[in-house]
Amino acid sequence: MRLKPGMFARVALELPFDNAVFISMEALYRDPETDKDMVFVVKDNVVRAVEVEKIFVKDDMVSVTNINAGDTVIIGGKARVKDGVVVEIVNEEGE
């Protein structure tokens, strides 16, 4: 059976359900040497550059690989940090 012009069909797709982690598009950093997308993550007060791949983009958010729920991702000030730098996380109130 073929679908011809003027005909229509109803289709139900069963897609696998995957949980995804979304981050702000601002958090992405393109490494100029390798042209790979990177994200700076803070673990135990040390900055780590994590290579990521974009999975899905929705508005100003992007789902990426290699980032887990609960990871602390640097959004602003990416130009001031590098892999291995020790940082102190301060909230907006300065506590």
PDB file of N, CA and C in Angstrom:
ATOM      1  N   MET A   1       0.837  -1.179   0.000  1.00  0.00           N
ATOM      2  CA  MET A   1       0.000   0.000   0.000  1.00  0.00           C
ATOM      3  C   MET A   1       0.884   1.245   0.000  1.00  0.00           C
ATOM      4  N   ARG A   2       0.569   2.157  -0.869  1.00  0.00           N
ATOM      5  CA  ARG A   2       1.338   3.397  -0.976  1.00  0.00           C
ATOM      6  C   ARG A   2       0.439   4.596  -0.727  1.00  0.00           C
ATOM      7  N   LEU A   3       1.040   5.600  -0.172  1.00  0.00           N
ATOM      8  CA  LEU A   3       0.350   6.852   0.063  1.00  0.00           C
ATOM      9  C   LEU A   3       0.478   7.704  -1.197  1.00  0.00           C
ATOM     10  N   LYS A   4      -0.639   8.154  -1.713  1.00  0.00           N
ATOM     11  CA  LYS A   4      -0.649   8.942  -2.945  1.00  0.00           C
ATOM     12  C   LYS A   4      -1.103  10.359  -2.640  1.00  0.00           C
ATOM     13  N   PRO A   5      -0.812  11.316  -3.533  1.00  0.00           N
ATOM     14  CA  PRO A   5      -1.243  12.699  -3.308  1.00  0.00           C
ATOM     15  C   PRO A   5      -2.746  12.782  -3.037  1.00  0.00           C
ATOM     16  N   GLY A   6      -3.087  13.564  -1.994  1.00  0.00           N
ATOM     17  CA  GLY A   6      -4.481  13.728  -1.606  1.00  0.00           C
ATOM     18  C   GLY A   6      -4.917  12.739  -0.540  1.00  0.00           C
ATOM     19  N   MET A   7      -4.121  11.716  -0.300  1.00  0.00           N
ATOM     20  CA  MET A   7      -4.437  10.731   0.736  1.00  0.00           C
ATOM     21  C   MET A   7      -3.758  11.158   2.048  1.00  0.00           C
ATOM     22  N   PHE A   8      -4.204  10.604   3.142  1.00  0.00           N
ATOM     23  CA  PHE A   8      -3.552  10.878   4.419  1.00  0.00           C
ATOM     24  C   PHE A   8      -3.513   9.594   5.228  1.00  0.00           C
ATOM     25  N   ALA A   9      -2.679   9.636   6.264  1.00  0.00           N
ATOM     26  CA  ALA A   9      -2.536   8.457   7.123  1.00  0.00           C
ATOM     27  C   ALA A   9      -2.340   8.915   8.561  1.00  0.00           C
ATOM     28  N   ARG A  10      -2.762   8.098   9.465  1.00  0.00           N
ATOM     29  CA  ARG A  10      -2.500   8.330  10.886  1.00  0.00           C
ATOM     30  C   ARG A  10      -1.415   7.365  11.308  1.00  0.00           C
ATOM     31  N   VAL A  11      -0.443   7.912  11.989  1.00  0.00           N
ATOM     32  CA  VAL A  11       0.714   7.113  12.383  1.00  0.00           C
ATOM     33  C   VAL A  11       0.963   7.296  13.869  1.00  0.00           C
ATOM     34  N   ALA A  12       1.285   6.234  14.539  1.00  0.00           N
ATOM     35  CA  ALA A  12       1.687   6.281  15.946  1.00  0.00           C
ATOM     36  C   ALA A  12       3.113   5.746  16.032  1.00  0.00           C
ATOM     37  N   LEU A  13       3.993   6.577  16.547  1.00  0.00           N
ATOM     38  CA  LEU A  13       5.386   6.178  16.697  1.00  0.00           C
ATOM     39  C   LEU A  13       5.679   5.922  18.167  1.00  0.00           C
ATOM     40  N   GLU A  14       6.315   4.830  18.453  1.00  0.00           N
ATOM     41  CA  GLU A  14       6.763   4.551  19.807  1.00  0.00           C
ATOM     42  C   GLU A  14       8.259   4.786  19.841  1.00  0.00           C
ATOM     43  N   LEU A  15       8.652   5.857  20.523  1.00  0.00           N
ATOM     44  CA  LEU A  15      10.056   6.217  20.614  1.00  0.00           C
ATOM     45  C   LEU A  15      10.573   5.874  22.001  1.00  0.00           C
ATOM     46  N   PRO A  16      11.826   5.489  22.095  1.00  0.00           N
ATOM     47  CA  PRO A  16      12.384   5.193  23.421  1.00  0.00           C
ATOM     48  C   PRO A  16      12.456   6.467  24.251  1.00  0.00           C
ATOM     49  N   PHE A  17      12.199   6.357  25.536  1.00  0.00           N
ATOM     50  CA  PHE A  17      12.237   7.497  26.437  1.00  0.00           C
ATOM     51  C   PHE A  17      13.618   7.564  27.072  1.00  0.00           C
ATOM     52  N   ASP A  18      14.292   8.660  26.861  1.00  0.00           N
ATOM     53  CA  ASP A  18      15.594   8.881  27.467  1.00  0.00           C
ATOM     54  C   ASP A  18      15.537  10.145  28.306  1.00  0.00           C
ATOM     55  N   ASN A  19      16.135  10.078  29.491  1.00  0.00           N
ATOM     56  CA  ASN A  19      16.282  11.284  30.288  1.00  0.00           C
ATOM     57  C   ASN A  19      17.439  12.084  29.706  1.00  0.00           C
ATOM     58  N   ALA A  20      17.304  13.378  29.703  1.00  0.00           N
ATOM     59  CA  ALA A  20      18.346  14.223  29.137  1.00  0.00           C
ATOM     60  C   ALA A  20      18.670  15.349  30.106  1.00  0.00           C
ATOM     61  N   VAL A  21      19.911  15.803  30.052  1.00  0.00           N
ATOM     62  CA  VAL A  21      20.343  16.945  30.841  1.00  0.00           C
ATOM     63  C   VAL A  21      20.473  18.123  29.895  1.00  0.00           C
ATOM     64  N   PHE A  22      19.786  19.208  30.233  1.00  0.00           N
ATOM     65  CA  PHE A  22      19.844  20.424  29.426  1.00  0.00           C
ATOM     66  C   PHE A  22      20.659  21.475  30.162  1.00  0.00           C
ATOM     67  N   ILE A  23      21.471  22.201  29.411  1.00  0.00           N
ATOM     68  CA  ILE A  23      22.228  23.311  29.958  1.00  0.00           C
ATOM     69  C   ILE A  23      21.968  24.540  29.092  1.00  0.00           C
ATOM     70  N   SER A  24      22.312  25.688  29.614  1.00  0.00           N
ATOM     71  CA  SER A  24      22.156  26.924  28.846  1.00  0.00           C
ATOM     72  C   SER A  24      23.131  26.906  27.676  1.00  0.00           C
ATOM     73  N   MET A  25      22.696  27.423  26.539  1.00  0.00           N
ATOM     74  CA  MET A  25      23.554  27.505  25.365  1.00  0.00           C
ATOM     75  C   MET A  25      24.794  28.353  25.669  1.00  0.00           C
ATOM     76  N   GLU A  26      24.659  29.295  26.625  1.00  0.00           N
ATOM     77  CA  GLU A  26      25.778  30.152  27.024  1.00  0.00           C
ATOM     78  C   GLU A  26      26.927  29.358  27.635  1.00  0.00           C
ATOM     79  N   ALA A  27      26.647  28.179  28.172  1.00  0.00           N
ATOM     80  CA  ALA A  27      27.680  27.387  28.833  1.00  0.00           C
ATOM     81  C   ALA A  27      28.629  26.714  27.845  1.00  0.00           C
ATOM     82  N   LEU A  28      28.229  26.612  26.580  1.00  0.00           N
ATOM     83  CA  LEU A  28      29.078  25.957  25.586  1.00  0.00           C
ATOM     84  C   LEU A  28      30.276  26.829  25.226  1.00  0.00           C
ATOM     85  N   TYR A  29      31.412  26.179  25.061  1.00  0.00           N
ATOM     86  CA  TYR A  29      32.645  26.846  24.666  1.00  0.00           C
ATOM     87  C   TYR A  29      33.240  26.050  23.518  1.00  0.00           C
ATOM     88  N   ARG A  30      33.515  26.697  22.402  1.00  0.00           N
ATOM     89  CA  ARG A  30      34.115  26.021  21.249  1.00  0.00           C
ATOM     90  C   ARG A  30      35.623  26.173  21.349  1.00  0.00           C
ATOM     91  N   ASP A  31      36.335  25.051  21.526  1.00  0.00           N
ATOM     92  CA  ASP A  31      37.792  25.061  21.611  1.00  0.00           C
ATOM     93  C   ASP A  31      38.356  25.446  20.242  1.00  0.00           C
ATOM     94  N   PRO A  32      39.073  26.577  20.146  1.00  0.00           N
ATOM     95  CA  PRO A  32      39.567  27.018  18.843  1.00  0.00           C
ATOM     96  C   PRO A  32      40.623  26.087  18.237  1.00  0.00           C
ATOM     97  N   GLU A  33      41.308  25.317  19.068  1.00  0.00           N
ATOM     98  CA  GLU A  33      42.345  24.412  18.559  1.00  0.00           C
ATOM     99  C   GLU A  33      41.758  23.143  17.955  1.00  0.00           C
ATOM    100  N   THR A  34      40.675  22.641  18.552  1.00  0.00           N
ATOM    101  CA  THR A  34      40.125  21.358  18.109  1.00  0.00           C
ATOM    102  C   THR A  34      38.755  21.483  17.456  1.00  0.00           C
ATOM    103  N   ASP A  35      38.122  22.660  17.545  1.00  0.00           N
ATOM    104  CA  ASP A  35      36.755  22.868  17.047  1.00  0.00           C
ATOM    105  C   ASP A  35      35.749  21.940  17.708  1.00  0.00           C
ATOM    106  N   LYS A  36      36.008  21.551  18.946  1.00  0.00           N
ATOM    107  CA  LYS A  36      35.078  20.697  19.688  1.00  0.00           C
ATOM    108  C   LYS A  36      34.351  21.545  20.721  1.00  0.00           C
ATOM    109  N   ASP A  37      33.105  21.166  21.005  1.00  0.00           N
ATOM    110  CA  ASP A  37      32.327  21.860  22.028  1.00  0.00           C
ATOM    111  C   ASP A  37      32.764  21.380  23.399  1.00  0.00           C
ATOM    112  N   MET A  38      32.971  22.333  24.302  1.00  0.00           N
ATOM    113  CA  MET A  38      33.405  22.043  25.661  1.00  0.00           C
ATOM    114  C   MET A  38      32.471  22.734  26.644  1.00  0.00           C
ATOM    115  N   VAL A  39      32.446  22.204  27.862  1.00  0.00           N
ATOM    116  CA  VAL A  39      31.730  22.818  28.972  1.00  0.00           C
ATOM    117  C   VAL A  39      32.670  22.773  30.166  1.00  0.00           C
ATOM    118  N   PHE A  40      32.731  23.864  30.923  1.00  0.00           N
ATOM    119  CA  PHE A  40      33.535  23.882  32.130  1.00  0.00           C
ATOM    120  C   PHE A  40      32.664  23.467  33.310  1.00  0.00           C
ATOM    121  N   VAL A  41      33.087  22.397  33.989  1.00  0.00           N
ATOM    122  CA  VAL A  41      32.357  21.846  35.126  1.00  0.00           C
ATOM    123  C   VAL A  41      33.238  21.986  36.360  1.00  0.00           C
ATOM    124  N   VAL A  42      32.628  22.309  37.499  1.00  0.00           N
ATOM    125  CA  VAL A  42      33.368  22.428  38.754  1.00  0.00           C
ATOM    126  C   VAL A  42      33.096  21.177  39.589  1.00  0.00           C
ATOM    127  N   LYS A  43      34.181  20.457  39.922  1.00  0.00           N
ATOM    128  CA  LYS A  43      34.091  19.278  40.796  1.00  0.00           C
ATOM    129  C   LYS A  43      35.125  19.428  41.888  1.00  0.00           C
ATOM    130  N   ASP A  44      34.694  19.395  43.136  1.00  0.00           N
ATOM    131  CA  ASP A  44      35.583  19.564  44.293  1.00  0.00           C
ATOM    132  C   ASP A  44      36.407  20.850  44.169  1.00  0.00           C
ATOM    133  N   ASN A  45      35.760  21.931  43.766  1.00  0.00           N
ATOM    134  CA  ASN A  45      36.349  23.267  43.608  1.00  0.00           C
ATOM    135  C   ASN A  45      37.446  23.343  42.548  1.00  0.00           C
ATOM    136  N   VAL A  46      37.506  22.377  41.651  1.00  0.00           N
ATOM    137  CA  VAL A  46      38.474  22.390  40.555  1.00  0.00           C
ATOM    138  C   VAL A  46      37.704  22.402  39.236  1.00  0.00           C
ATOM    139  N   VAL A  47      38.108  23.289  38.328  1.00  0.00           N
ATOM    140  CA  VAL A  47      37.461  23.395  37.020  1.00  0.00           C
ATOM    141  C   VAL A  47      37.969  22.273  36.120  1.00  0.00           C
ATOM    142  N   ARG A  48      37.030  21.604  35.475  1.00  0.00           N
ATOM    143  CA  ARG A  48      37.367  20.551  34.511  1.00  0.00           C
ATOM    144  C   ARG A  48      36.690  20.890  33.189  1.00  0.00           C
ATOM    145  N   ALA A  49      37.464  20.845  32.109  1.00  0.00           N
ATOM    146  CA  ALA A  49      36.912  21.039  30.766  1.00  0.00           C
ATOM    147  C   ALA A  49      36.402  19.689  30.289  1.00  0.00           C
ATOM    148  N   VAL A  50      35.128  19.621  29.948  1.00  0.00           N
ATOM    149  CA  VAL A  50      34.497  18.372  29.522  1.00  0.00           C
ATOM    150  C   VAL A  50      34.061  18.522  28.073  1.00  0.00           C
ATOM    151  N   GLU A  51      34.516  17.609  27.225  1.00  0.00           N
ATOM    152  CA  GLU A  51      34.094  17.620  25.826  1.00  0.00           C
ATOM    153  C   GLU A  51      32.664  17.089  25.754  1.00  0.00           C
ATOM    154  N   VAL A  52      31.809  17.798  25.033  1.00  0.00           N
ATOM    155  CA  VAL A  52      30.400  17.412  24.924  1.00  0.00           C
ATOM    156  C   VAL A  52      29.988  17.380  23.461  1.00  0.00           C
ATOM    157  N   GLU A  53      28.900  16.689  23.210  1.00  0.00           N
ATOM    158  CA  GLU A  53      28.261  16.702  21.897  1.00  0.00           C
ATOM    159  C   GLU A  53      26.820  17.140  22.086  1.00  0.00           C
ATOM    160  N   LYS A  54      26.366  18.014  21.200  1.00  0.00           N
ATOM    161  CA  LYS A  54      24.982  18.473  21.272  1.00  0.00           C
ATOM    162  C   LYS A  54      24.057  17.358  20.788  1.00  0.00           C
ATOM    163  N   ILE A  55      22.999  17.109  21.559  1.00  0.00           N
ATOM    164  CA  ILE A  55      22.010  16.102  21.185  1.00  0.00           C
ATOM    165  C   ILE A  55      20.755  16.760  20.635  1.00  0.00           C
ATOM    166  N   PHE A  56      20.259  17.754  21.361  1.00  0.00           N
ATOM    167  CA  PHE A  56      18.988  18.375  21.016  1.00  0.00           C
ATOM    168  C   PHE A  56      19.012  19.829  21.477  1.00  0.00           C
ATOM    169  N   VAL A  57      18.543  20.728  20.640  1.00  0.00           N
ATOM    170  CA  VAL A  57      18.498  22.148  20.981  1.00  0.00           C
ATOM    171  C   VAL A  57      17.046  22.580  21.074  1.00  0.00           C
ATOM    172  N   LYS A  58      16.691  23.258  22.165  1.00  0.00           N
ATOM    173  CA  LYS A  58      15.336  23.784  22.377  1.00  0.00           C
ATOM    174  C   LYS A  58      15.477  25.202  22.901  1.00  0.00           C
ATOM    175  N   ASP A  59      15.124  26.172  22.059  1.00  0.00           N
ATOM    176  CA  ASP A  59      15.250  27.592  22.397  1.00  0.00           C
ATOM    177  C   ASP A  59      16.704  27.903  22.762  1.00  0.00           C
ATOM    178  N   ASP A  60      16.946  28.374  24.005  1.00  0.00           N
ATOM    179  CA  ASP A  60      18.314  28.707  24.412  1.00  0.00           C
ATOM    180  C   ASP A  60      18.922  27.621  25.305  1.00  0.00           C
ATOM    181  N   MET A  61      18.330  26.429  25.277  1.00  0.00           N
ATOM    182  CA  MET A  61      18.842  25.301  26.056  1.00  0.00           C
ATOM    183  C   MET A  61      19.313  24.207  25.099  1.00  0.00           C
ATOM    184  N   VAL A  62      20.300  23.438  25.538  1.00  0.00           N
ATOM    185  CA  VAL A  62      20.832  22.367  24.705  1.00  0.00           C
ATOM    186  C   VAL A  62      21.070  21.136  25.567  1.00  0.00           C
ATOM    187  N   SER A  63      20.705  19.980  25.035  1.00  0.00           N
ATOM    188  CA  SER A  63      20.973  18.706  25.692  1.00  0.00           C
ATOM    189  C   SER A  63      22.317  18.216  25.183  1.00  0.00           C
ATOM    190  N   VAL A  64      23.194  17.830  26.112  1.00  0.00           N
ATOM    191  CA  VAL A  64      24.544  17.425  25.731  1.00  0.00           C
ATOM    192  C   VAL A  64      24.925  16.098  26.384  1.00  0.00           C
ATOM    193  N   THR A  65      25.951  15.473  25.823  1.00  0.00           N
ATOM    194  CA  THR A  65      26.510  14.252  26.403  1.00  0.00           C
ATOM    195  C   THR A  65      27.544  14.623  27.461  1.00  0.00           C
ATOM    196  N   ASN A  66      27.917  13.660  28.291  1.00  0.00           N
ATOM    197  CA  ASN A  66      29.007  13.768  29.278  1.00  0.00           C
ATOM    198  C   ASN A  66      28.746  14.722  30.436  1.00  0.00           C
ATOM    199  N   ILE A  67      27.530  15.240  30.577  1.00  0.00           N
ATOM    200  CA  ILE A  67      27.159  16.074  31.712  1.00  0.00           C
ATOM    201  C   ILE A  67      26.047  15.347  32.455  1.00  0.00           C
ATOM    202  N   ASN A  68      26.177  15.284  33.776  1.00  0.00           N
ATOM    203  CA  ASN A  68      25.192  14.586  34.598  1.00  0.00           C
ATOM    204  C   ASN A  68      24.324  15.585  35.353  1.00  0.00           C
ATOM    205  N   ALA A  69      23.141  15.163  35.707  1.00  0.00           N
ATOM    206  CA  ALA A  69      22.265  15.992  36.524  1.00  0.00           C
ATOM    207  C   ALA A  69      22.982  16.297  37.834  1.00  0.00           C
ATOM    208  N   GLY A  70      22.961  17.551  38.232  1.00  0.00           N
ATOM    209  CA  GLY A  70      23.618  17.953  39.470  1.00  0.00           C
ATOM    210  C   GLY A  70      25.027  18.494  39.277  1.00  0.00           C
ATOM    211  N   ASP A  71      25.618  18.343  38.099  1.00  0.00           N
ATOM    212  CA  ASP A  71      26.945  18.911  37.848  1.00  0.00           C
ATOM    213  C   ASP A  71      26.855  20.436  37.886  1.00  0.00           C
ATOM    214  N   THR A  72      27.882  21.078  38.419  1.00  0.00           N
ATOM    215  CA  THR A  72      27.948  22.531  38.455  1.00  0.00           C
ATOM    216  C   THR A  72      28.657  22.993  37.199  1.00  0.00           C
ATOM    217  N   VAL A  73      27.910  23.695  36.339  1.00  0.00           N
ATOM    218  CA  VAL A  73      28.419  24.137  35.046  1.00  0.00           C
ATOM    219  C   VAL A  73      28.647  25.645  35.086  1.00  0.00           C
ATOM    220  N   ILE A  74      29.811  26.085  34.591  1.00  0.00           N
ATOM    221  CA  ILE A  74      30.116  27.517  34.537  1.00  0.00           C
ATOM    222  C   ILE A  74      29.461  28.108  33.296  1.00  0.00           C
ATOM    223  N   ILE A  75      28.675  29.160  33.505  1.00  0.00           N
ATOM    224  CA  ILE A  75      28.004  29.824  32.387  1.00  0.00           C
ATOM    225  C   ILE A  75      28.687  31.149  32.087  1.00  0.00           C
ATOM    226  N   GLY A  76      28.798  32.008  33.066  1.00  0.00           N
ATOM    227  CA  GLY A  76      29.443  33.304  32.873  1.00  0.00           C
ATOM    228  C   GLY A  76      30.895  33.249  33.310  1.00  0.00           C
ATOM    229  N   GLY A  77      31.748  33.984  32.634  1.00  0.00           N
ATOM    230  CA  GLY A  77      33.159  34.044  33.004  1.00  0.00           C
ATOM    231  C   GLY A  77      33.994  32.890  32.480  1.00  0.00           C
ATOM    232  N   LYS A  78      33.527  32.250  31.413  1.00  0.00           N
ATOM    233  CA  LYS A  78      34.266  31.100  30.857  1.00  0.00           C
ATOM    234  C   LYS A  78      35.662  31.491  30.394  1.00  0.00           C
ATOM    235  N   ALA A  79      35.828  32.746  29.968  1.00  0.00           N
ATOM    236  CA  ALA A  79      37.123  33.189  29.459  1.00  0.00           C
ATOM    237  C   ALA A  79      38.153  33.353  30.584  1.00  0.00           C
ATOM    238  N   ARG A  80      37.688  33.371  31.831  1.00  0.00           N
ATOM    239  CA  ARG A  80      38.594  33.588  32.956  1.00  0.00           C
ATOM    240  C   ARG A  80      39.027  32.299  33.647  1.00  0.00           C
ATOM    241  N   VAL A  81      38.559  31.157  33.166  1.00  0.00           N
ATOM    242  CA  VAL A  81      38.932  29.880  33.798  1.00  0.00           C
ATOM    243  C   VAL A  81      39.577  28.959  32.775  1.00  0.00           C
ATOM    244  N   LYS A  82      40.335  28.029  33.283  1.00  0.00           N
ATOM    245  CA  LYS A  82      40.963  27.013  32.447  1.00  0.00           C
ATOM    246  C   LYS A  82      40.887  25.683  33.193  1.00  0.00           C
ATOM    247  N   ASP A  83      41.111  24.602  32.485  1.00  0.00           N
ATOM    248  CA  ASP A  83      41.089  23.271  33.075  1.00  0.00           C
ATOM    249  C   ASP A  83      42.123  23.189  34.197  1.00  0.00           C
ATOM    250  N   GLY A  84      41.693  22.717  35.365  1.00  0.00           N
ATOM    251  CA  GLY A  84      42.595  22.524  36.493  1.00  0.00           C
ATOM    252  C   GLY A  84      42.678  23.680  37.465  1.00  0.00           C
ATOM    253  N   VAL A  85      42.040  24.809  37.165  1.00  0.00           N
ATOM    254  CA  VAL A  85      42.072  25.972  38.044  1.00  0.00           C
ATOM    255  C   VAL A  85      41.195  25.716  39.263  1.00  0.00           C
ATOM    256  N   VAL A  86      41.684  26.097  40.440  1.00  0.00           N
ATOM    257  CA  VAL A  86      40.909  25.978  41.673  1.00  0.00           C
ATOM    258  C   VAL A  86      40.025  27.211  41.803  1.00  0.00           C
ATOM    259  N   VAL A  87      38.743  27.001  42.085  1.00  0.00           N
ATOM    260  CA  VAL A  87      37.792  28.104  42.220  1.00  0.00           C
ATOM    261  C   VAL A  87      37.013  27.957  43.510  1.00  0.00           C
ATOM    262  N   GLU A  88      36.390  29.050  43.908  1.00  0.00           N
ATOM    263  CA  GLU A  88      35.476  29.044  45.051  1.00  0.00           C
ATOM    264  C   GLU A  88      34.116  29.464  44.537  1.00  0.00           C
ATOM    265  N   ILE A  89      33.113  28.649  44.770  1.00  0.00           N
ATOM    266  CA  ILE A  89      31.763  28.970  44.322  1.00  0.00           C
ATOM    267  C   ILE A  89      31.109  29.890  45.320  1.00  0.00           C
ATOM    268  N   VAL A  90      30.623  31.026  44.815  1.00  0.00           N
ATOM    269  CA  VAL A  90      29.962  32.021  45.638  1.00  0.00           C
ATOM    270  C   VAL A  90      28.588  32.254  45.035  1.00  0.00           C
ATOM    271  N   ASN A  91      27.532  32.206  45.859  1.00  0.00           N
ATOM    272  CA  ASN A  91      26.198  32.460  45.320  1.00  0.00           C
ATOM    273  C   ASN A  91      25.990  33.955  45.149  1.00  0.00           C
ATOM    274  N   GLU A  92      24.850  34.331  44.578  1.00  0.00           N
ATOM    275  CA  GLU A  92      24.574  35.727  44.248  1.00  0.00           C
ATOM    276  C   GLU A  92      24.564  36.639  45.467  1.00  0.00           C
ATOM    277  N   GLU A  93      24.236  36.116  46.637  1.00  0.00           N
ATOM    278  CA  GLU A  93      24.202  36.930  47.843  1.00  0.00           C
ATOM    279  C   GLU A  93      25.584  37.111  48.444  1.00  0.00           C
ATOM    280  N   GLY A  94      26.607  36.433  47.888  1.00  0.00           N
ATOM    281  CA  GLY A  94      27.975  36.565  48.379  1.00  0.00           C
ATOM    282  C   GLY A  94      28.279  35.694  49.568  1.00  0.00           C
ATOM    283  N   GLU A  95      27.433  34.732  49.880  1.00  0.00           N
ATOM    284  CA  GLU A  95      27.684  33.838  51.013  1.00  0.00           C
ATOM    285  C   GLU A  95      28.692  32.785  50.654  1.00  0.00           C
TER     286      GLU A  95
END
